[in-house]
Amino acid sequence: MRLTYFRELMETEFGVARAGSVSRDHVFAELGDRTVEQALEAGIEPREVWLAVCRAYDVPPARR
């Protein structure tokens, strides 16, 4: 998954403002106690990050 598509999915699911907040502020245990931004900077693939976000926020499977 490309990073641009990941960002698009985040904005579609959460809205522009909330997507930014989720990316910067929420720490995900599944991502090694990192935020989305930290996980991406650490080299975790955007698809893995997206799936972790989906599980944490109960995003329906159809939108994963």
Protein backbone atom coordinates (compact mmCIF):
# COMPACT_ATOMS: atom_id res chain seq x y z
CA MET A 1 0.00 0.00 0.00
CA ARG A 2 1.33 3.43 -0.88
CA LEU A 3 1.55 6.06 1.83
CA THR A 4 -0.70 8.40 -0.16
CA TYR A 5 -3.42 5.74 -0.27
CA PHE A 6 -2.99 5.12 3.45
CA ARG A 7 -3.52 8.84 4.13
CA GLU A 8 -6.60 8.80 1.90
CA LEU A 9 -8.07 5.86 3.80
CA MET A 10 -7.42 7.59 7.14
CA GLU A 11 -9.10 10.80 5.98
CA THR A 12 -12.06 8.93 4.50
CA GLU A 13 -12.59 6.91 7.67
CA PHE A 14 -12.00 9.62 10.29
CA GLY A 15 -12.27 12.95 8.48
CA VAL A 16 -9.32 15.23 7.83
CA ALA A 17 -8.97 16.73 11.32
CA ARG A 18 -9.53 13.52 13.27
CA ALA A 19 -7.25 11.50 10.98
CA GLY A 20 -4.43 13.84 11.87
CA SER A 21 -5.18 13.54 15.54
CA VAL A 22 -5.36 9.74 15.42
CA SER A 23 -2.06 9.67 13.54
CA ARG A 24 -0.23 11.94 15.97
CA ASP A 25 -1.85 11.31 19.34
CA HIS A 26 -3.07 7.71 19.68
CA VAL A 27 -0.41 5.24 20.83
CA PHE A 28 -1.03 1.72 19.51
CA ALA A 29 0.29 -1.21 21.53
CA GLU A 30 0.10 -3.32 18.38
CA LEU A 31 2.59 -0.97 16.72
CA GLY A 32 5.12 -1.31 19.51
CA ASP A 33 3.64 1.51 21.61
CA ARG A 34 4.03 3.96 18.74
CA THR A 35 1.75 6.46 17.11
CA VAL A 36 0.88 6.02 13.45
CA GLU A 37 3.46 8.63 12.50
CA GLN A 38 6.17 6.99 14.62
CA ALA A 39 5.35 3.56 13.18
CA LEU A 40 5.59 4.82 9.61
CA GLU A 41 8.86 6.61 10.38
CA ALA A 42 10.18 3.37 11.91
CA GLY A 43 9.57 1.62 8.60
CA ILE A 44 6.42 -0.32 9.40
CA GLU A 45 4.49 -0.85 6.18
CA PRO A 46 1.44 1.42 5.74
CA ARG A 47 -0.80 -1.64 5.22
CA GLU A 48 0.23 -3.07 8.62
CA VAL A 49 -0.36 0.31 10.24
CA TRP A 50 -3.77 0.63 8.57
CA LEU A 51 -4.84 -2.80 9.81
CA ALA A 52 -3.72 -1.96 13.35
CA VAL A 53 -5.78 1.25 13.22
CA CYS A 54 -8.76 -0.69 11.88
CA ARG A 55 -8.60 -3.22 14.70
CA ALA A 56 -8.21 -0.55 17.36
CA TYR A 57 -11.14 1.50 16.05
CA ASP A 58 -13.37 -1.39 14.97
CA VAL A 59 -13.42 -0.35 11.32
CA PRO A 60 -15.77 -2.76 9.53
CA PRO A 61 -14.03 -5.40 7.38
CA ALA A 62 -15.60 -3.98 4.20
CA ARG A 63 -13.60 -0.75 4.69
CA ARG A 64 -10.31 -2.41 5.56
